[in-house]
Amino acid sequence: MLQPLKSQVILKQSPKELTTASGIVLTTDVNTNAEWLEIIAMGPTVGSDLKVGTEVIINFNQSRTVKYLDEQYFVVDEAHIIIAKE
């Protein structure tokens, strides 16, 4: 698994399904800037108010996309996390 350093956080976008009024199922693309991402791993100096599994909104302009084992992840410094869900 990926192990972030210092205050870096690794996030993953969970695929979400949306259904239209006529019943067509639409899935979000990982390349789109969906708002909520789940924390997968954190560096050792990340603050205690964040935990693995927490959903957050980040500043996508300050993130980097990484592909690992055919999965796409976002890497961002803790300072660029805007909002966390409790």
PDB file of N, CA and C in Angstrom:
ATOM      1  N   MET A   1       0.845  -1.187   0.000  1.00  0.00           N
ATOM      2  CA  MET A   1       0.000   0.000   0.000  1.00  0.00           C
ATOM      3  C   MET A   1       0.885   1.243   0.000  1.00  0.00           C
ATOM      4  N   LEU A   2       0.357   2.314  -0.478  1.00  0.00           N
ATOM      5  CA  LEU A   2       1.075   3.582  -0.495  1.00  0.00           C
ATOM      6  C   LEU A   2       1.201   4.131   0.921  1.00  0.00           C
ATOM      7  N   GLN A   3       2.367   4.650   1.263  1.00  0.00           N
ATOM      8  CA  GLN A   3       2.589   5.242   2.583  1.00  0.00           C
ATOM      9  C   GLN A   3       3.039   6.683   2.399  1.00  0.00           C
ATOM     10  N   PRO A   4       2.189   7.637   2.758  1.00  0.00           N
ATOM     11  CA  PRO A   4       2.560   9.044   2.600  1.00  0.00           C
ATOM     12  C   PRO A   4       3.595   9.483   3.639  1.00  0.00           C
ATOM     13  N   LEU A   5       4.352  10.517   3.279  1.00  0.00           N
ATOM     14  CA  LEU A   5       5.368  11.062   4.172  1.00  0.00           C
ATOM     15  C   LEU A   5       4.894  12.378   4.770  1.00  0.00           C
ATOM     16  N   LYS A   6       5.451  12.725   5.911  1.00  0.00           N
ATOM     17  CA  LYS A   6       5.204  13.991   6.615  1.00  0.00           C
ATOM     18  C   LYS A   6       3.716  14.283   6.747  1.00  0.00           C
ATOM     19  N   SER A   7       3.245  15.401   6.194  1.00  0.00           N
ATOM     20  CA  SER A   7       1.836  15.784   6.376  1.00  0.00           C
ATOM     21  C   SER A   7       0.988  15.509   5.137  1.00  0.00           C
ATOM     22  N   GLN A   8       1.436  14.569   4.314  1.00  0.00           N
ATOM     23  CA  GLN A   8       0.683  14.218   3.110  1.00  0.00           C
ATOM     24  C   GLN A   8      -0.459  13.257   3.447  1.00  0.00           C
ATOM     25  N   VAL A   9      -1.541  13.368   2.670  1.00  0.00           N
ATOM     26  CA  VAL A   9      -2.716  12.518   2.854  1.00  0.00           C
ATOM     27  C   VAL A   9      -3.047  11.887   1.512  1.00  0.00           C
ATOM     28  N   ILE A  10      -3.354  10.589   1.510  1.00  0.00           N
ATOM     29  CA  ILE A  10      -3.768   9.889   0.297  1.00  0.00           C
ATOM     30  C   ILE A  10      -5.270   9.681   0.369  1.00  0.00           C
ATOM     31  N   LEU A  11      -5.940  10.051  -0.725  1.00  0.00           N
ATOM     32  CA  LEU A  11      -7.403  10.014  -0.778  1.00  0.00           C
ATOM     33  C   LEU A  11      -7.858   9.216  -1.989  1.00  0.00           C
ATOM     34  N   LYS A  12      -9.042   8.663  -1.864  1.00  0.00           N
ATOM     35  CA  LYS A  12      -9.624   7.910  -2.977  1.00  0.00           C
ATOM     36  C   LYS A  12     -11.062   8.345  -3.155  1.00  0.00           C
ATOM     37  N   GLN A  13     -11.438   8.510  -4.398  1.00  0.00           N
ATOM     38  CA  GLN A  13     -12.819   8.859  -4.718  1.00  0.00           C
ATOM     39  C   GLN A  13     -13.626   7.581  -4.820  1.00  0.00           C
ATOM     40  N   SER A  14     -14.687   7.503  -4.038  1.00  0.00           N
ATOM     41  CA  SER A  14     -15.573   6.349  -4.117  1.00  0.00           C
ATOM     42  C   SER A  14     -16.511   6.549  -5.293  1.00  0.00           C
ATOM     43  N   PRO A  15     -16.652   5.545  -6.150  1.00  0.00           N
ATOM     44  CA  PRO A  15     -17.590   5.713  -7.265  1.00  0.00           C
ATOM     45  C   PRO A  15     -19.006   5.831  -6.734  1.00  0.00           C
ATOM     46  N   LYS A  16     -19.716   6.824  -7.199  1.00  0.00           N
ATOM     47  CA  LYS A  16     -21.089   7.038  -6.759  1.00  0.00           C
ATOM     48  C   LYS A  16     -22.015   6.865  -7.945  1.00  0.00           C
ATOM     49  N   GLU A  17     -23.144   6.253  -7.699  1.00  0.00           N
ATOM     50  CA  GLU A  17     -24.127   6.067  -8.759  1.00  0.00           C
ATOM     51  C   GLU A  17     -25.239   7.089  -8.609  1.00  0.00           C
ATOM     52  N   LEU A  18     -25.608   7.652  -9.716  1.00  0.00           N
ATOM     53  CA  LEU A  18     -26.730   8.569  -9.762  1.00  0.00           C
ATOM     54  C   LEU A  18     -27.763   7.970 -10.693  1.00  0.00           C
ATOM     55  N   THR A  19     -29.015   8.060 -10.342  1.00  0.00           N
ATOM     56  CA  THR A  19     -30.084   7.516 -11.175  1.00  0.00           C
ATOM     57  C   THR A  19     -30.940   8.661 -11.679  1.00  0.00           C
ATOM     58  N   THR A  20     -31.162   8.660 -12.988  1.00  0.00           N
ATOM     59  CA  THR A  20     -32.024   9.680 -13.570  1.00  0.00           C
ATOM     60  C   THR A  20     -33.482   9.343 -13.289  1.00  0.00           C
ATOM     61  N   ALA A  21     -34.375  10.270 -13.583  1.00  0.00           N
ATOM     62  CA  ALA A  21     -35.804  10.059 -13.361  1.00  0.00           C
ATOM     63  C   ALA A  21     -36.325   8.864 -14.152  1.00  0.00           C
ATOM     64  N   SER A  22     -35.714   8.587 -15.304  1.00  0.00           N
ATOM     65  CA  SER A  22     -36.161   7.465 -16.125  1.00  0.00           C
ATOM     66  C   SER A  22     -35.508   6.143 -15.732  1.00  0.00           C
ATOM     67  N   GLY A  23     -34.644   6.154 -14.699  1.00  0.00           N
ATOM     68  CA  GLY A  23     -34.051   4.916 -14.207  1.00  0.00           C
ATOM     69  C   GLY A  23     -32.687   4.592 -14.773  1.00  0.00           C
ATOM     70  N   ILE A  24     -32.090   5.477 -15.551  1.00  0.00           N
ATOM     71  CA  ILE A  24     -30.753   5.238 -16.095  1.00  0.00           C
ATOM     72  C   ILE A  24     -29.730   5.498 -14.995  1.00  0.00           C
ATOM     73  N   VAL A  25     -28.818   4.543 -14.797  1.00  0.00           N
ATOM     74  CA  VAL A  25     -27.800   4.676 -13.763  1.00  0.00           C
ATOM     75  C   VAL A  25     -26.572   5.335 -14.371  1.00  0.00           C
ATOM     76  N   LEU A  26     -26.135   6.429 -13.757  1.00  0.00           N
ATOM     77  CA  LEU A  26     -24.938   7.145 -14.178  1.00  0.00           C
ATOM     78  C   LEU A  26     -23.887   6.981 -13.096  1.00  0.00           C
ATOM     79  N   THR A  27     -22.637   6.731 -13.477  1.00  0.00           N
ATOM     80  CA  THR A  27     -21.566   6.647 -12.490  1.00  0.00           C
ATOM     81  C   THR A  27     -20.636   7.834 -12.685  1.00  0.00           C
ATOM     82  N   THR A  28     -20.009   8.274 -11.599  1.00  0.00           N
ATOM     83  CA  THR A  28     -19.070   9.372 -11.712  1.00  0.00           C
ATOM     84  C   THR A  28     -17.738   8.837 -12.196  1.00  0.00           C
ATOM     85  N   ASP A  29     -17.018   9.650 -12.914  1.00  0.00           N
ATOM     86  CA  ASP A  29     -15.701   9.293 -13.411  1.00  0.00           C
ATOM     87  C   ASP A  29     -14.668   9.779 -12.404  1.00  0.00           C
ATOM     88  N   VAL A  30     -13.656   8.980 -12.132  1.00  0.00           N
ATOM     89  CA  VAL A  30     -12.639   9.357 -11.154  1.00  0.00           C
ATOM     90  C   VAL A  30     -11.908  10.619 -11.606  1.00  0.00           C
ATOM     91  N   ASN A  31     -11.841  10.883 -12.890  1.00  0.00           N
ATOM     92  CA  ASN A  31     -11.128  12.055 -13.387  1.00  0.00           C
ATOM     93  C   ASN A  31     -11.891  13.349 -13.154  1.00  0.00           C
ATOM     94  N   THR A  32     -13.154  13.276 -12.837  1.00  0.00           N
ATOM     95  CA  THR A  32     -13.902  14.496 -12.553  1.00  0.00           C
ATOM     96  C   THR A  32     -13.631  14.930 -11.128  1.00  0.00           C
ATOM     97  N   ASN A  33     -13.787  16.185 -10.854  1.00  0.00           N
ATOM     98  CA  ASN A  33     -13.516  16.702  -9.516  1.00  0.00           C
ATOM     99  C   ASN A  33     -14.736  16.553  -8.630  1.00  0.00           C
ATOM    100  N   ALA A  34     -15.037  15.331  -8.254  1.00  0.00           N
ATOM    101  CA  ALA A  34     -16.123  15.090  -7.314  1.00  0.00           C
ATOM    102  C   ALA A  34     -15.721  15.698  -5.985  1.00  0.00           C
ATOM    103  N   GLU A  35     -16.681  16.086  -5.218  1.00  0.00           N
ATOM    104  CA  GLU A  35     -16.361  16.825  -4.007  1.00  0.00           C
ATOM    105  C   GLU A  35     -15.782  15.969  -2.888  1.00  0.00           C
ATOM    106  N   TRP A  36     -16.451  14.922  -2.458  1.00  0.00           N
ATOM    107  CA  TRP A  36     -16.029  14.173  -1.274  1.00  0.00           C
ATOM    108  C   TRP A  36     -15.073  13.049  -1.634  1.00  0.00           C
ATOM    109  N   LEU A  37     -13.965  12.986  -0.918  1.00  0.00           N
ATOM    110  CA  LEU A  37     -12.971  11.928  -1.074  1.00  0.00           C
ATOM    111  C   LEU A  37     -12.746  11.278   0.286  1.00  0.00           C
ATOM    112  N   GLU A  38     -12.376  10.009   0.275  1.00  0.00           N
ATOM    113  CA  GLU A  38     -12.141   9.287   1.529  1.00  0.00           C
ATOM    114  C   GLU A  38     -10.643   9.188   1.802  1.00  0.00           C
ATOM    115  N   ILE A  39     -10.249   9.446   3.050  1.00  0.00           N
ATOM    116  CA  ILE A  39      -8.847   9.324   3.434  1.00  0.00           C
ATOM    117  C   ILE A  39      -8.488   7.840   3.510  1.00  0.00           C
ATOM    118  N   ILE A  40      -7.451   7.458   2.759  1.00  0.00           N
ATOM    119  CA  ILE A  40      -6.987   6.069   2.714  1.00  0.00           C
ATOM    120  C   ILE A  40      -5.763   5.884   3.612  1.00  0.00           C
ATOM    121  N   ALA A  41      -4.862   6.877   3.609  1.00  0.00           N
ATOM    122  CA  ALA A  41      -3.647   6.806   4.432  1.00  0.00           C
ATOM    123  C   ALA A  41      -3.187   8.222   4.759  1.00  0.00           C
ATOM    124  N   MET A  42      -2.466   8.357   5.875  1.00  0.00           N
ATOM    125  CA  MET A  42      -1.977   9.663   6.314  1.00  0.00           C
ATOM    126  C   MET A  42      -0.531   9.560   6.745  1.00  0.00           C
ATOM    127  N   GLY A  43       0.210  10.646   6.525  1.00  0.00           N
ATOM    128  CA  GLY A  43       1.588  10.724   6.982  1.00  0.00           C
ATOM    129  C   GLY A  43       1.645  10.845   8.495  1.00  0.00           C
ATOM    130  N   PRO A  44       2.817  10.658   9.089  1.00  0.00           N
ATOM    131  CA  PRO A  44       2.955  10.632  10.546  1.00  0.00           C
ATOM    132  C   PRO A  44       2.711  11.973  11.245  1.00  0.00           C
ATOM    133  N   THR A  45       2.786  13.092  10.532  1.00  0.00           N
ATOM    134  CA  THR A  45       2.614  14.387  11.191  1.00  0.00           C
ATOM    135  C   THR A  45       1.241  15.020  10.941  1.00  0.00           C
ATOM    136  N   VAL A  46       0.309  14.255  10.387  1.00  0.00           N
ATOM    137  CA  VAL A  46      -1.044  14.774  10.149  1.00  0.00           C
ATOM    138  C   VAL A  46      -1.755  14.920  11.494  1.00  0.00           C
ATOM    139  N   GLY A  47      -2.518  16.008  11.636  1.00  0.00           N
ATOM    140  CA  GLY A  47      -3.210  16.299  12.897  1.00  0.00           C
ATOM    141  C   GLY A  47      -4.172  15.211  13.325  1.00  0.00           C
ATOM    142  N   SER A  48      -4.457  15.184  14.613  1.00  0.00           N
ATOM    143  CA  SER A  48      -5.288  14.134  15.190  1.00  0.00           C
ATOM    144  C   SER A  48      -6.774  14.302  14.866  1.00  0.00           C
ATOM    145  N   ASP A  49      -7.172  15.444  14.282  1.00  0.00           N
ATOM    146  CA  ASP A  49      -8.586  15.635  13.962  1.00  0.00           C
ATOM    147  C   ASP A  49      -8.995  14.893  12.685  1.00  0.00           C
ATOM    148  N   LEU A  50      -8.032  14.332  11.962  1.00  0.00           N
ATOM    149  CA  LEU A  50      -8.327  13.533  10.769  1.00  0.00           C
ATOM    150  C   LEU A  50      -8.019  12.074  11.060  1.00  0.00           C
ATOM    151  N   LYS A  51      -8.802  11.183  10.432  1.00  0.00           N
ATOM    152  CA  LYS A  51      -8.612   9.744  10.608  1.00  0.00           C
ATOM    153  C   LYS A  51      -8.814   9.051   9.274  1.00  0.00           C
ATOM    154  N   VAL A  52      -8.242   7.878   9.120  1.00  0.00           N
ATOM    155  CA  VAL A  52      -8.484   7.064   7.933  1.00  0.00           C
ATOM    156  C   VAL A  52      -9.972   6.752   7.876  1.00  0.00           C
ATOM    157  N   GLY A  53     -10.569   6.923   6.718  1.00  0.00           N
ATOM    158  CA  GLY A  53     -11.997   6.686   6.546  1.00  0.00           C
ATOM    159  C   GLY A  53     -12.822   7.963   6.560  1.00  0.00           C
ATOM    160  N   THR A  54     -12.246   9.072   7.030  1.00  0.00           N
ATOM    161  CA  THR A  54     -12.959  10.349   7.044  1.00  0.00           C
ATOM    162  C   THR A  54     -13.131  10.849   5.619  1.00  0.00           C
ATOM    163  N   GLU A  55     -14.293  11.407   5.318  1.00  0.00           N
ATOM    164  CA  GLU A  55     -14.531  12.005   4.009  1.00  0.00           C
ATOM    165  C   GLU A  55     -14.213  13.487   4.077  1.00  0.00           C
ATOM    166  N   VAL A  56     -13.521  13.983   3.047  1.00  0.00           N
ATOM    167  CA  VAL A  56     -13.075  15.371   3.036  1.00  0.00           C
ATOM    168  C   VAL A  56     -13.289  15.998   1.661  1.00  0.00           C
ATOM    169  N   ILE A  57     -13.251  17.323   1.644  1.00  0.00           N
ATOM    170  CA  ILE A  57     -13.193  18.094   0.403  1.00  0.00           C
ATOM    171  C   ILE A  57     -11.826  18.751   0.375  1.00  0.00           C
ATOM    172  N   ILE A  58     -11.163  18.694  -0.789  1.00  0.00           N
ATOM    173  CA  ILE A  58      -9.819  19.244  -0.907  1.00  0.00           C
ATOM    174  C   ILE A  58      -9.775  20.337  -1.975  1.00  0.00           C
ATOM    175  N   ASN A  59      -8.664  21.066  -1.981  1.00  0.00           N
ATOM    176  CA  ASN A  59      -8.374  22.005  -3.049  1.00  0.00           C
ATOM    177  C   ASN A  59      -7.723  21.186  -4.168  1.00  0.00           C
ATOM    178  N   PHE A  60      -8.477  20.882  -5.218  1.00  0.00           N
ATOM    179  CA  PHE A  60      -7.972  20.021  -6.290  1.00  0.00           C
ATOM    180  C   PHE A  60      -6.799  20.647  -7.030  1.00  0.00           C
ATOM    181  N   ASN A  61      -6.688  21.975  -7.010  1.00  0.00           N
ATOM    182  CA  ASN A  61      -5.563  22.633  -7.681  1.00  0.00           C
ATOM    183  C   ASN A  61      -4.243  22.344  -6.986  1.00  0.00           C
ATOM    184  N   GLN A  62      -4.280  21.945  -5.741  1.00  0.00           N
ATOM    185  CA  GLN A  62      -3.075  21.662  -4.966  1.00  0.00           C
ATOM    186  C   GLN A  62      -2.829  20.158  -4.795  1.00  0.00           C
ATOM    187  N   SER A  63      -3.592  19.325  -5.501  1.00  0.00           N
ATOM    188  CA  SER A  63      -3.444  17.871  -5.351  1.00  0.00           C
ATOM    189  C   SER A  63      -2.694  17.278  -6.535  1.00  0.00           C
ATOM    190  N   ARG A  64      -2.214  16.080  -6.327  1.00  0.00           N
ATOM    191  CA  ARG A  64      -1.553  15.335  -7.391  1.00  0.00           C
ATOM    192  C   ARG A  64      -2.269  14.003  -7.536  1.00  0.00           C
ATOM    193  N   THR A  65      -2.493  13.574  -8.764  1.00  0.00           N
ATOM    194  CA  THR A  65      -3.142  12.296  -9.034  1.00  0.00           C
ATOM    195  C   THR A  65      -2.066  11.228  -9.226  1.00  0.00           C
ATOM    196  N   VAL A  66      -2.251  10.078  -8.567  1.00  0.00           N
ATOM    197  CA  VAL A  66      -1.306   8.980  -8.645  1.00  0.00           C
ATOM    198  C   VAL A  66      -2.070   7.713  -9.007  1.00  0.00           C
ATOM    199  N   LYS A  67      -1.534   6.937  -9.951  1.00  0.00           N
ATOM    200  CA  LYS A  67      -2.138   5.654 -10.289  1.00  0.00           C
ATOM    201  C   LYS A  67      -1.263   4.555  -9.686  1.00  0.00           C
ATOM    202  N   TYR A  68      -1.889   3.669  -8.905  1.00  0.00           N
ATOM    203  CA  TYR A  68      -1.175   2.593  -8.227  1.00  0.00           C
ATOM    204  C   TYR A  68      -2.038   1.342  -8.269  1.00  0.00           C
ATOM    205  N   LEU A  69      -1.513   0.256  -8.819  1.00  0.00           N
ATOM    206  CA  LEU A  69      -2.232  -1.007  -8.959  1.00  0.00           C
ATOM    207  C   LEU A  69      -3.603  -0.802  -9.606  1.00  0.00           C
ATOM    208  N   ASP A  70      -3.625  -0.083 -10.711  1.00  0.00           N
ATOM    209  CA  ASP A  70      -4.841   0.193 -11.488  1.00  0.00           C
ATOM    210  C   ASP A  70      -5.912   0.966 -10.728  1.00  0.00           C
ATOM    211  N   GLU A  71      -5.549   1.627  -9.659  1.00  0.00           N
ATOM    212  CA  GLU A  71      -6.463   2.480  -8.895  1.00  0.00           C
ATOM    213  C   GLU A  71      -5.920   3.905  -8.947  1.00  0.00           C
ATOM    214  N   GLN A  72      -6.825   4.865  -8.959  1.00  0.00           N
ATOM    215  CA  GLN A  72      -6.410   6.257  -8.978  1.00  0.00           C
ATOM    216  C   GLN A  72      -6.600   6.883  -7.606  1.00  0.00           C
ATOM    217  N   TYR A  73      -5.569   7.571  -7.125  1.00  0.00           N
ATOM    218  CA  TYR A  73      -5.572   8.211  -5.819  1.00  0.00           C
ATOM    219  C   TYR A  73      -5.211   9.683  -5.971  1.00  0.00           C
ATOM    220  N   PHE A  74      -5.594  10.475  -4.976  1.00  0.00           N
ATOM    221  CA  PHE A  74      -5.193  11.870  -4.902  1.00  0.00           C
ATOM    222  C   PHE A  74      -4.255  12.004  -3.712  1.00  0.00           C
ATOM    223  N   VAL A  75      -3.168  12.770  -3.889  1.00  0.00           N
ATOM    224  CA  VAL A  75      -2.233  13.043  -2.804  1.00  0.00           C
ATOM    225  C   VAL A  75      -2.245  14.547  -2.582  1.00  0.00           C
ATOM    226  N   VAL A  76      -2.430  14.945  -1.336  1.00  0.00           N
ATOM    227  CA  VAL A  76      -2.516  16.367  -1.008  1.00  0.00           C
ATOM    228  C   VAL A  76      -1.924  16.588   0.373  1.00  0.00           C
ATOM    229  N   ASP A  77      -1.361  17.775   0.582  1.00  0.00           N
ATOM    230  CA  ASP A  77      -0.876  18.135   1.901  1.00  0.00           C
ATOM    231  C   ASP A  77      -2.077  18.408   2.805  1.00  0.00           C
ATOM    232  N   GLU A  78      -1.935  18.088   4.075  1.00  0.00           N
ATOM    233  CA  GLU A  78      -3.018  18.296   5.039  1.00  0.00           C
ATOM    234  C   GLU A  78      -3.557  19.728   4.994  1.00  0.00           C
ATOM    235  N   ALA A  79      -2.720  20.683   4.720  1.00  0.00           N
ATOM    236  CA  ALA A  79      -3.129  22.100   4.689  1.00  0.00           C
ATOM    237  C   ALA A  79      -4.125  22.397   3.576  1.00  0.00           C
ATOM    238  N   HIS A  80      -4.225  21.531   2.582  1.00  0.00           N
ATOM    239  CA  HIS A  80      -5.128  21.761   1.458  1.00  0.00           C
ATOM    240  C   HIS A  80      -6.444  20.983   1.580  1.00  0.00           C
ATOM    241  N   ILE A  81      -6.696  20.423   2.774  1.00  0.00           N
ATOM    242  CA  ILE A  81      -7.999  19.827   3.050  1.00  0.00           C
ATOM    243  C   ILE A  81      -8.889  20.955   3.547  1.00  0.00           C
ATOM    244  N   ILE A  82     -10.018  21.137   2.880  1.00  0.00           N
ATOM    245  CA  ILE A  82     -10.882  22.275   3.167  1.00  0.00           C
ATOM    246  C   ILE A  82     -11.922  21.942   4.232  1.00  0.00           C
ATOM    247  N   ILE A  83     -12.615  20.814   4.079  1.00  0.00           N
ATOM    248  CA  ILE A  83     -13.707  20.429   4.966  1.00  0.00           C
ATOM    249  C   ILE A  83     -13.616  18.933   5.245  1.00  0.00           C
ATOM    250  N   ALA A  84     -13.941  18.529   6.471  1.00  0.00           N
ATOM    251  CA  ALA A  84     -14.012  17.108   6.828  1.00  0.00           C
ATOM    252  C   ALA A  84     -15.397  16.807   7.389  1.00  0.00           C
ATOM    253  N   LYS A  85     -15.963  15.655   6.987  1.00  0.00           N
ATOM    254  CA  LYS A  85     -17.247  15.203   7.537  1.00  0.00           C
ATOM    255  C   LYS A  85     -16.999  14.490   8.844  1.00  0.00           C
ATOM    256  N   GLU A  86     -17.843  14.726   9.815  1.00  0.00           N
ATOM    257  CA  GLU A  86     -17.715  14.014  11.090  1.00  0.00           C
ATOM    258  C   GLU A  86     -18.551  12.770  11.078  1.00  0.00           C
TER     259      GLU A  86
END
